[in-house]
């Protein structure tokens, strides 16, 4: 008996197609993993930039609060020759009787 059987054209084509499919699958998986890694690196860099900007904004807000504090405005006004006189403010509460 002869066990050497010739492959048909269809069998050869399907083997080539299977090998090509596996190769494309492997290339696709590797490509997607590298793309995901690069996206993760980019997002980490952007998060670092955001945290740096947020800390800068917080520092600027603190500096703004220092600059606009009443004591600083008052000292600058006194240096320029202005004086501040505090007015007495009275409040009347309606509907409450004094005892």
N, C-alpha and C. Protein backbone atom coordinates (compact mmCIF):
# COMPACT_ATOMS: atom_id res chain seq x y z
N UNK A 1 0.82 -1.18 0.00
CA UNK A 1 0.00 0.00 0.00
C UNK A 1 0.87 1.25 0.00
N UNK A 2 0.42 2.13 -0.73
CA UNK A 2 1.14 3.38 -0.86
C UNK A 2 0.50 4.40 0.08
N UNK A 3 1.29 4.88 1.10
CA UNK A 3 0.75 5.84 2.07
C UNK A 3 1.04 7.26 1.67
N UNK A 4 1.79 7.48 0.63
CA UNK A 4 2.07 8.84 0.15
C UNK A 4 0.86 9.32 -0.64
N UNK A 5 0.16 10.22 -0.02
CA UNK A 5 -1.03 10.76 -0.65
C UNK A 5 -0.74 12.20 -1.03
N UNK A 6 -1.01 12.56 -2.23
CA UNK A 6 -0.78 13.93 -2.67
C UNK A 6 -1.83 14.84 -2.06
N UNK A 7 -1.34 16.02 -1.65
CA UNK A 7 -2.27 17.01 -1.12
C UNK A 7 -3.00 17.67 -2.28
N UNK A 8 -4.22 17.91 -2.04
CA UNK A 8 -4.99 18.61 -3.07
C UNK A 8 -4.70 20.10 -3.00
N UNK A 9 -5.10 20.77 -4.02
CA UNK A 9 -4.90 22.22 -4.08
C UNK A 9 -5.63 22.92 -2.94
N UNK A 10 -6.80 22.48 -2.60
CA UNK A 10 -7.60 23.05 -1.51
C UNK A 10 -6.88 22.89 -0.18
N UNK A 11 -6.30 21.72 0.08
CA UNK A 11 -5.59 21.48 1.34
C UNK A 11 -4.38 22.39 1.45
N UNK A 12 -3.64 22.56 0.38
CA UNK A 12 -2.47 23.44 0.40
C UNK A 12 -2.90 24.90 0.65
N UNK A 13 -3.96 25.30 0.02
CA UNK A 13 -4.47 26.65 0.19
C UNK A 13 -4.94 26.88 1.63
N UNK A 14 -5.64 25.92 2.20
CA UNK A 14 -6.12 26.08 3.58
C UNK A 14 -4.95 26.10 4.57
N UNK A 15 -3.90 25.30 4.33
CA UNK A 15 -2.73 25.34 5.21
C UNK A 15 -2.06 26.70 5.15
N UNK A 16 -1.89 27.25 3.95
CA UNK A 16 -1.29 28.57 3.80
C UNK A 16 -2.15 29.64 4.47
N UNK A 17 -3.46 29.52 4.29
CA UNK A 17 -4.37 30.48 4.90
C UNK A 17 -4.32 30.38 6.42
N UNK A 18 -4.21 29.17 6.96
CA UNK A 18 -4.12 28.99 8.41
C UNK A 18 -2.83 29.60 8.95
N UNK A 19 -1.72 29.36 8.28
CA UNK A 19 -0.44 29.92 8.71
C UNK A 19 -0.48 31.45 8.64
N UNK A 20 -1.05 31.98 7.57
CA UNK A 20 -1.17 33.43 7.42
C UNK A 20 -2.06 34.02 8.52
N UNK A 21 -3.15 33.33 8.84
CA UNK A 21 -4.05 33.79 9.89
C UNK A 21 -3.35 33.83 11.24
N UNK A 22 -2.60 32.77 11.58
CA UNK A 22 -1.86 32.75 12.83
C UNK A 22 -0.81 33.86 12.88
N UNK A 23 -0.13 34.06 11.77
CA UNK A 23 0.89 35.11 11.73
C UNK A 23 0.27 36.49 11.92
N UNK A 24 -0.85 36.75 11.25
CA UNK A 24 -1.54 38.03 11.41
C UNK A 24 -2.06 38.21 12.83
N UNK A 25 -2.53 37.12 13.44
CA UNK A 25 -3.03 37.18 14.82
C UNK A 25 -1.89 37.56 15.76
N UNK A 26 -0.76 36.91 15.62
CA UNK A 26 0.38 37.20 16.50
C UNK A 26 0.87 38.63 16.30
N UNK A 27 0.99 39.04 15.04
CA UNK A 27 1.41 40.41 14.76
C UNK A 27 0.41 41.41 15.33
N UNK A 28 -0.87 41.11 15.20
CA UNK A 28 -1.91 41.99 15.73
C UNK A 28 -1.86 42.10 17.24
N UNK A 29 -1.67 40.98 17.92
CA UNK A 29 -1.61 41.00 19.38
C UNK A 29 -0.40 41.81 19.85
N UNK A 30 0.75 41.57 19.23
CA UNK A 30 1.95 42.31 19.61
C UNK A 30 1.78 43.80 19.31
N UNK A 31 1.22 44.11 18.16
CA UNK A 31 0.99 45.52 17.80
C UNK A 31 0.04 46.21 18.75
N UNK A 32 -1.05 45.55 19.10
CA UNK A 32 -2.01 46.16 20.03
C UNK A 32 -1.42 46.33 21.42
N UNK A 33 -0.61 45.37 21.87
CA UNK A 33 0.03 45.51 23.18
C UNK A 33 1.00 46.68 23.20
N UNK A 34 1.76 46.84 22.15
CA UNK A 34 2.70 47.97 22.11
C UNK A 34 1.94 49.29 22.02
N UNK A 35 0.85 49.32 21.27
CA UNK A 35 0.03 50.54 21.19
C UNK A 35 -0.59 50.87 22.54
N UNK A 36 -1.07 49.87 23.25
CA UNK A 36 -1.63 50.08 24.58
C UNK A 36 -0.57 50.59 25.54
N UNK A 37 0.63 50.04 25.46
CA UNK A 37 1.72 50.50 26.32
C UNK A 37 2.06 51.96 26.04
N UNK A 38 2.11 52.33 24.78
CA UNK A 38 2.42 53.72 24.45
C UNK A 38 1.31 54.65 24.92
N UNK A 39 0.06 54.21 24.83
CA UNK A 39 -1.05 55.03 25.34
C UNK A 39 -0.96 55.18 26.85
N UNK A 40 -0.59 54.11 27.55
CA UNK A 40 -0.45 54.19 29.00
C UNK A 40 0.66 55.16 29.39
N UNK A 41 1.77 55.12 28.67
CA UNK A 41 2.87 56.05 28.96
C UNK A 41 2.43 57.48 28.71
N UNK A 42 1.73 57.71 27.60
CA UNK A 42 1.23 59.05 27.30
C UNK A 42 0.26 59.53 28.37
N UNK A 43 -0.64 58.66 28.80
CA UNK A 43 -1.62 59.08 29.82
C UNK A 43 -0.94 59.36 31.15
N UNK A 44 0.10 58.59 31.50
CA UNK A 44 0.85 58.87 32.74
C UNK A 44 1.56 60.22 32.66
N UNK A 45 2.14 60.52 31.50
CA UNK A 45 2.79 61.82 31.34
C UNK A 45 1.79 62.96 31.44
N UNK A 46 0.62 62.78 30.85
CA UNK A 46 -0.42 63.81 30.92
C UNK A 46 -0.91 63.97 32.36
N UNK A 47 -1.07 62.86 33.09
CA UNK A 47 -1.48 62.95 34.49
C UNK A 47 -0.44 63.69 35.32
N UNK A 48 0.84 63.47 35.05
CA UNK A 48 1.90 64.19 35.76
C UNK A 48 1.81 65.68 35.46
N UNK A 49 1.59 66.03 34.20
CA UNK A 49 1.45 67.44 33.83
C UNK A 49 0.25 68.07 34.51
N UNK A 50 -0.85 67.33 34.57
CA UNK A 50 -2.06 67.84 35.22
C UNK A 50 -1.81 68.08 36.70
N UNK A 51 -1.17 67.12 37.37
CA UNK A 51 -0.90 67.31 38.80
C UNK A 51 0.05 68.47 39.03
N UNK A 52 1.03 68.65 38.14
CA UNK A 52 1.95 69.80 38.27
C UNK A 52 1.19 71.10 38.09
N UNK A 53 0.32 71.16 37.10
CA UNK A 53 -0.47 72.37 36.87
C UNK A 53 -1.42 72.65 38.03
N UNK A 54 -2.02 71.59 38.58
CA UNK A 54 -2.92 71.78 39.73
C UNK A 54 -2.16 72.31 40.93
N UNK A 55 -0.95 71.80 41.17
CA UNK A 55 -0.18 72.31 42.30
C UNK A 55 0.24 73.76 42.05
N UNK A 56 0.57 74.10 40.78
CA UNK A 56 0.89 75.49 40.46
C UNK A 56 -0.32 76.39 40.69
N UNK A 57 -1.48 75.93 40.30
CA UNK A 57 -2.71 76.70 40.50
C UNK A 57 -2.99 76.89 41.99
N UNK A 58 -2.79 75.82 42.77
CA UNK A 58 -3.00 75.95 44.22
C UNK A 58 -2.03 76.96 44.82
N UNK A 59 -0.77 76.92 44.37
CA UNK A 59 0.21 77.88 44.86
C UNK A 59 -0.16 79.30 44.48
N UNK A 60 -0.64 79.50 43.26
CA UNK A 60 -1.06 80.83 42.83
C UNK A 60 -2.28 81.31 43.60
N UNK A 61 -3.20 80.40 43.89
CA UNK A 61 -4.37 80.79 44.68
C UNK A 61 -3.97 81.21 46.09
N UNK A 62 -3.00 80.48 46.67
CA UNK A 62 -2.53 80.86 48.01
C UNK A 62 -1.84 82.22 47.96
N UNK A 63 -1.03 82.44 46.94
CA UNK A 63 -0.35 83.73 46.79
C UNK A 63 -1.36 84.85 46.58
N UNK A 64 -2.41 84.57 45.82
CA UNK A 64 -3.47 85.56 45.59
C UNK A 64 -4.16 85.92 46.89
N UNK A 65 -4.43 84.89 47.71
CA UNK A 65 -5.08 85.15 49.00
C UNK A 65 -4.18 85.98 49.91
N UNK A 66 -2.87 85.71 49.85
CA UNK A 66 -1.94 86.51 50.65
C UNK A 66 -1.94 87.96 50.18
N UNK A 67 -1.94 88.15 48.87
CA UNK A 67 -1.87 89.51 48.33
C UNK A 67 -3.15 90.30 48.55
N UNK A 68 -4.27 89.63 48.58
CA UNK A 68 -5.53 90.36 48.75
C UNK A 68 -6.03 90.35 50.19
N UNK A 69 -5.19 89.93 51.11
CA UNK A 69 -5.61 89.94 52.51
C UNK A 69 -5.79 91.38 52.99
N UNK A 70 -6.64 91.55 53.98
CA UNK A 70 -6.96 92.90 54.46
C UNK A 70 -5.73 93.58 55.04
N UNK A 71 -4.91 92.84 55.77
CA UNK A 71 -3.74 93.47 56.38
C UNK A 71 -2.76 93.97 55.32
N UNK A 72 -2.59 93.23 54.24
CA UNK A 72 -1.69 93.67 53.17
C UNK A 72 -2.26 94.89 52.46
N UNK A 73 -3.54 94.87 52.15
CA UNK A 73 -4.16 96.01 51.48
C UNK A 73 -4.09 97.23 52.38
N UNK A 74 -4.31 97.02 53.67
CA UNK A 74 -4.26 98.13 54.62
C UNK A 74 -2.84 98.71 54.70
N UNK A 75 -1.82 97.85 54.75
CA UNK A 75 -0.44 98.37 54.84
C UNK A 75 -0.05 99.12 53.58
N UNK A 76 -0.46 98.63 52.40
CA UNK A 76 -0.17 99.33 51.15
C UNK A 76 -0.89 100.67 51.11
N UNK A 77 -2.12 100.68 51.59
CA UNK A 77 -2.90 101.92 51.61
C UNK A 77 -2.25 102.93 52.55
N UNK A 78 -1.76 102.48 53.70
CA UNK A 78 -1.10 103.40 54.63
C UNK A 78 0.19 103.96 54.04
N UNK A 79 0.93 103.12 53.29
CA UNK A 79 2.16 103.60 52.64
C UNK A 79 1.85 104.67 51.60
N UNK A 80 0.70 104.58 50.98
CA UNK A 80 0.31 105.56 49.95
C UNK A 80 -0.37 106.78 50.56
N UNK A 81 -0.56 106.76 51.89
CA UNK A 81 -1.13 107.93 52.54
C UNK A 81 -2.61 107.83 52.84
N UNK A 82 -3.21 106.69 52.60
CA UNK A 82 -4.63 106.53 52.89
C UNK A 82 -4.80 106.01 54.31
N UNK A 83 -5.93 106.35 54.90
CA UNK A 83 -6.23 105.83 56.24
C UNK A 83 -7.55 105.09 56.18
N UNK A 84 -7.68 104.15 57.07
CA UNK A 84 -8.91 103.34 57.14
C UNK A 84 -9.56 103.58 58.47
N UNK A 85 -10.81 104.00 58.43
CA UNK A 85 -11.58 104.17 59.64
C UNK A 85 -12.71 103.16 59.61
N UNK A 86 -12.77 102.40 60.67
CA UNK A 86 -13.80 101.36 60.72
C UNK A 86 -15.11 101.98 61.16
N UNK A 87 -16.13 101.74 60.38
CA UNK A 87 -17.47 102.22 60.73
C UNK A 87 -18.14 101.20 61.62
N UNK A 88 -18.89 101.70 62.58
CA UNK A 88 -19.63 100.78 63.40
C UNK A 88 -20.91 100.41 62.67
N UNK A 89 -21.18 99.16 62.64
CA UNK A 89 -22.34 98.66 61.93
C UNK A 89 -23.28 98.08 62.96
N UNK A 90 -24.51 98.48 62.89
CA UNK A 90 -25.51 97.93 63.78
C UNK A 90 -26.47 97.10 62.96
N UNK A 91 -26.94 96.07 63.59
CA UNK A 91 -27.89 95.19 62.90
C UNK A 91 -29.16 95.14 63.71
N UNK A 92 -30.23 95.23 63.01
CA UNK A 92 -31.53 95.13 63.66
C UNK A 92 -32.16 93.82 63.21
N UNK A 93 -32.57 93.05 64.18
CA UNK A 93 -33.23 91.80 63.87
C UNK A 93 -34.72 92.01 64.07
N UNK A 94 -35.45 91.79 63.04
CA UNK A 94 -36.90 92.00 63.08
C UNK A 94 -37.57 90.73 63.57
N UNK A 95 -38.47 90.91 64.48
CA UNK A 95 -39.25 89.80 64.96
C UNK A 95 -38.72 89.20 66.25
N UNK A 96 -37.64 89.72 66.77
CA UNK A 96 -37.10 89.24 68.03
C UNK A 96 -37.21 90.39 69.02
N UNK A 97 -37.79 90.07 70.15
CA UNK A 97 -37.96 91.09 71.18
C UNK A 97 -36.81 91.01 72.17
N UNK A 98 -36.32 92.16 72.55
CA UNK A 98 -35.25 92.22 73.55
C UNK A 98 -35.87 92.05 74.93
N UNK A 99 -35.19 91.34 75.77
CA UNK A 99 -35.74 91.12 77.12
C UNK A 99 -35.05 91.97 78.13
